[in-house]
Structure formats: structure tokens, C-alpha cells
Amino acid sequence: MQEYLHSGIVAGYVGASSRTIKMDKFVESALRRKGMGPNAIAMWMTSGHGRHMMDNPKEMKMVLDYLRDADVNVCVWSDKMHTGTLASSIKLYPYYKIEKNKRECLRRIV
């Protein structure tokens, strides 16, 4: 994450100007409760999902909606079969909605 921050091109949740310490703690805590480790959290925080969540962070329902499937999304994005397309995401999504598959994936990402 430090290397990413020093690159000068910071996107995702991390690059949002509306971040606060309170929101950072809330988001990190929510992601950790989902079983996500540091690498999975970093992946989500630098994603488009993280950035779009910050479009209107004062709407807590929107924040919770974006965090709801953060663990599944990270597993989909990190799957070696993912091609970077929406079609690929849609195909892999049901596999990682299965708790056992998601837990196994998150253990690998650490």
C-alpha cells in the first residue's frame, strides 16, 4: 500500500478527498469483520467500488451497500480466471457467494 501511495496516482477509496478518520475506521472494521486481511482490504480500497462509495459517503445506506459484497468482489477480481470484464465478473460471482469458497479465497489473499 505504501508503494501505491507514493506512486502519485491514488484512486479508489484511498484517493477520495472526502475521507475522514472516522470513515476510515468504520470501513476497515467492516472489511475486517468480513474476514478480509490487509491485501484484500488494500485491493478493495483501491478499487472503483471503493471510489464510487465515496461519491456520497454521508448516506450510510450507500456505504453499507458498497461494503456488503466487498469480500466477494475481491475474490472475483483476484481469481486467475477473471478476464477484467463484466461478463467474467458475472460468471465468477455465484461461486464466491458460497461461504466456503469465499473463506478459502480470503485465506489465499491474506
Protein backbone atom coordinates (compact mmCIF):
# COMPACT_ATOMS: atom_id res chain seq x y z
CA MET A 1 0.00 0.00 0.00
CA GLN A 2 2.85 2.40 0.82
CA GLU A 3 4.37 1.88 -2.62
CA TYR A 4 0.97 2.55 -4.19
CA LEU A 5 0.53 5.77 -2.22
CA HIS A 6 3.97 7.02 -3.23
CA SER A 7 3.21 6.39 -6.92
CA GLY A 8 1.37 9.71 -7.07
CA ILE A 9 -1.69 8.22 -8.79
CA VAL A 10 -4.03 7.23 -6.00
CA ALA A 11 -7.54 6.07 -6.83
CA GLY A 12 -10.34 4.11 -5.20
CA TYR A 13 -11.46 4.83 -1.67
CA VAL A 14 -7.90 5.81 -0.76
CA GLY A 15 -7.90 8.67 -3.29
CA ALA A 16 -11.23 10.17 -2.19
CA SER A 17 -10.94 13.71 -0.87
CA SER A 18 -13.98 13.25 1.39
CA ARG A 19 -12.34 10.58 3.59
CA THR A 20 -12.32 11.09 7.35
CA ILE A 21 -10.58 9.19 10.13
CA LYS A 22 -13.99 8.11 11.41
CA MET A 23 -14.98 6.74 7.98
CA ASP A 24 -11.58 5.04 7.56
CA LYS A 25 -12.00 3.22 10.88
CA PHE A 26 -15.58 2.24 10.05
CA VAL A 27 -14.66 0.88 6.59
CA GLU A 28 -11.61 -1.01 7.85
CA SER A 29 -13.58 -2.53 10.71
CA ALA A 30 -16.42 -3.58 8.38
CA LEU A 31 -13.98 -5.20 5.94
CA ARG A 32 -12.09 -7.00 8.72
CA ARG A 33 -15.39 -8.37 10.09
CA LYS A 34 -15.91 -9.92 6.65
CA GLY A 35 -12.66 -11.86 7.15
CA MET A 36 -10.58 -9.70 4.82
CA GLY A 37 -6.87 -9.37 5.53
CA PRO A 38 -4.56 -6.45 4.66
CA ASN A 39 -4.06 -7.36 0.98
CA ALA A 40 -7.77 -7.94 0.34
CA ILE A 41 -8.60 -4.65 2.10
CA ALA A 42 -5.98 -2.80 0.05
CA MET A 43 -7.39 -4.32 -3.14
CA TRP A 44 -10.91 -3.17 -2.29
CA MET A 45 -9.80 0.28 -1.05
CA THR A 46 -8.06 0.98 -4.37
CA SER A 47 -10.94 -0.30 -6.49
CA GLY A 48 -13.60 1.56 -8.41
CA HIS A 49 -16.14 0.22 -5.91
CA GLY A 50 -14.29 1.98 -3.11
CA ARG A 51 -14.16 5.22 -5.07
CA HIS A 52 -17.83 5.15 -6.03
CA MET A 53 -18.77 4.52 -2.42
CA MET A 54 -17.21 7.89 -1.62
CA ASP A 55 -19.41 9.74 -4.13
CA ASN A 56 -21.86 10.31 -1.29
CA PRO A 57 -20.35 8.97 1.95
CA LYS A 58 -22.87 10.74 4.17
CA GLU A 59 -25.56 8.28 3.07
CA MET A 60 -24.74 5.39 5.40
CA LYS A 61 -27.08 3.04 3.48
CA MET A 62 -24.98 3.60 0.36
CA VAL A 63 -21.77 2.94 2.28
CA LEU A 64 -23.18 -0.29 3.69
CA ASP A 65 -24.42 -1.38 0.24
CA TYR A 66 -20.92 -0.97 -1.21
CA LEU A 67 -19.34 -2.86 1.68
CA ARG A 68 -21.91 -5.69 1.65
CA ASP A 69 -20.18 -7.72 -1.09
CA ALA A 70 -16.67 -6.30 -0.83
CA ASP A 71 -15.27 -9.70 0.13
CA VAL A 72 -16.97 -11.44 -2.79
CA ASN A 73 -15.83 -8.73 -5.22
CA VAL A 74 -12.20 -9.02 -4.13
CA CYS A 75 -12.34 -12.79 -4.62
CA VAL A 76 -13.83 -12.36 -8.10
CA TRP A 77 -11.23 -9.76 -9.12
CA SER A 78 -8.33 -11.89 -7.86
CA ASP A 79 -9.48 -15.13 -9.49
CA LYS A 80 -7.00 -16.28 -12.14
CA MET A 81 -9.95 -16.96 -14.48
CA HIS A 82 -11.14 -13.32 -14.25
CA THR A 83 -10.53 -11.51 -17.52
CA GLY A 84 -11.27 -8.00 -16.29
CA THR A 85 -14.68 -7.88 -17.95
CA LEU A 86 -18.17 -7.52 -16.50
CA ALA A 87 -19.12 -10.83 -18.15
CA SER A 88 -16.25 -12.52 -16.32
CA SER A 89 -17.32 -10.97 -13.01
CA ILE A 90 -20.91 -12.12 -13.52
CA LYS A 91 -19.74 -15.64 -14.29
CA LEU A 92 -17.49 -15.93 -11.19
CA TYR A 93 -19.74 -14.09 -8.71
CA PRO A 94 -22.03 -17.04 -7.79
CA TYR A 95 -19.01 -19.25 -7.00
CA TYR A 96 -17.72 -16.79 -4.39
CA LYS A 97 -21.15 -16.20 -2.87
CA ILE A 98 -20.74 -19.71 -1.44
CA GLU A 99 -19.25 -19.14 2.02
CA LYS A 100 -16.71 -21.99 1.83
CA ASN A 101 -15.28 -20.73 -1.47
CA LYS A 102 -15.15 -17.15 -0.23
CA ARG A 103 -13.34 -18.10 3.01
CA GLU A 104 -10.80 -20.17 1.06
CA CYS A 105 -10.18 -17.26 -1.31
CA LEU A 106 -9.73 -14.73 1.51
CA ARG A 107 -7.21 -17.04 3.22
CA ARG A 108 -5.19 -17.10 -0.01
CA ILE A 109 -5.21 -13.31 -0.43
CA VAL A 110 -4.27 -12.60 3.21
